Protein backbone atom coordinates (compact mmCIF):
# COMPACT_ATOMS: atom_id res chain seq x y z
CA MET A 1 82.97 130.07 73.72
CA GLU A 2 81.50 126.74 72.66
CA GLU A 3 83.29 123.63 73.84
CA VAL A 4 84.43 121.33 71.04
CA SER A 5 83.98 117.61 71.67
CA LEU A 6 86.74 115.08 71.22
CA SER A 7 84.85 113.59 68.29
CA GLN A 8 84.73 117.00 66.59
CA ARG A 9 88.45 117.55 67.17
CA ILE A 10 89.29 114.14 65.69
CA ALA A 11 87.07 114.86 62.68
CA ALA A 12 88.76 118.22 62.12
CA LYS A 13 92.18 116.56 62.25
CA ALA A 14 91.10 113.88 59.75
CA ILE A 15 89.79 116.54 57.38
CA ALA A 16 93.02 118.51 57.70
CA GLU A 17 94.99 115.36 56.79
CA SER A 18 92.67 114.57 53.88
CA ARG A 19 95.45 113.65 51.46
CA LYS A 20 96.23 110.47 53.41
CA SER A 21 92.86 108.68 53.37
CA PRO A 22 89.73 109.86 51.56
CA GLY A 23 87.57 107.29 53.38
CA ARG A 24 88.69 108.65 56.73
CA VAL A 25 87.82 112.17 55.59
CA ASN A 26 84.38 111.08 54.41
CA ARG A 27 83.69 109.51 57.80
CA ALA A 28 84.92 112.65 59.54
CA VAL A 29 82.66 114.84 57.39
CA PHE A 30 79.70 112.62 58.22
CA LEU A 31 80.48 112.71 61.93
CA GLU A 32 80.54 116.50 61.77
CA ILE A 33 76.96 116.54 60.41
CA ARG A 34 75.61 113.44 62.16
CA ASP A 35 73.37 115.36 64.58
CA GLU A 36 71.82 117.34 61.71
CA VAL A 37 71.24 114.15 59.71
CA GLN A 38 69.70 112.40 62.71
CA SER A 39 67.43 115.38 63.34
CA ALA A 40 66.28 115.44 59.70
CA ILE A 41 65.53 111.70 59.84
CA GLU A 42 63.51 112.23 63.03
CA ASP A 43 61.64 115.03 61.23
CA GLY A 44 60.55 112.45 58.64
CA TRP A 45 62.91 113.17 55.73
CA SER A 46 64.23 110.26 53.70
CA VAL A 47 67.93 109.49 53.66
CA LEU A 48 67.95 110.22 49.91
CA ALA A 49 66.39 113.66 50.41
CA ILE A 50 68.91 114.48 53.13
CA TYR A 51 71.81 113.27 50.99
CA SER A 52 70.58 115.22 47.96
CA ALA A 53 70.34 118.44 49.96
CA LEU A 54 73.78 118.00 51.50
CA ARG A 55 75.32 117.11 48.14
CA HIS A 56 73.68 120.14 46.51
CA GLU A 57 75.03 122.38 49.29
CA GLY A 58 78.53 120.92 48.82
CA VAL A 59 78.63 119.55 52.35
CA VAL A 60 79.30 115.97 51.18
CA SER A 61 81.27 114.96 48.12
CA PHE A 62 81.08 111.18 48.51
CA GLY A 63 78.48 108.87 47.01
CA TYR A 64 75.01 107.99 48.19
CA GLN A 65 75.91 104.37 49.04
CA ALA A 66 78.67 105.53 51.38
CA PHE A 67 76.27 108.04 52.93
CA ARG A 68 73.72 105.26 53.53
CA ARG A 69 76.40 103.09 55.17
CA TYR A 70 77.34 105.94 57.51
CA VAL A 71 73.68 106.52 58.42
CA LYS A 72 73.24 102.83 59.17
CA ALA A 73 76.47 102.40 61.15
CA LEU A 74 76.64 105.73 62.95
CA ILE A 75 72.98 106.52 63.58
CA VAL A 76 70.63 103.54 63.18
CA GLU A 77 72.79 100.81 64.72
CA ARG A 78 73.90 103.06 67.57
CA GLN A 79 70.29 103.87 68.42
CA GLU A 80 69.48 100.15 68.39
CA GLU A 81 72.44 99.43 70.69
CA ARG A 82 71.33 102.15 73.11
CA SER A 83 67.75 100.85 73.19
CA LYS A 84 68.98 97.33 74.00
CA THR A 85 71.04 98.57 76.95
CA LYS A 86 68.23 100.63 78.48
CA PRO A 87 66.47 98.84 81.33
CA SER A 88 62.84 97.94 80.63
């Protein structure tokens, strides 16, 4: 049995309570797929190509601008923060 992280449990709860806050649901959906998105970026795919594929598959229902903001805040800026805290 695979262990579910706290982040995944919070995301599932937010999705289940989707009627309360669509923005919260969108963030939760993105957090669920963040590792896949990060991997695709590392493989050299553009954010637009990734978004288009996920939108076509029905994984995301929110707009491209929101998707870009999530990529920036939850992948790019976090990587930058981690690289600053690593000792040289």
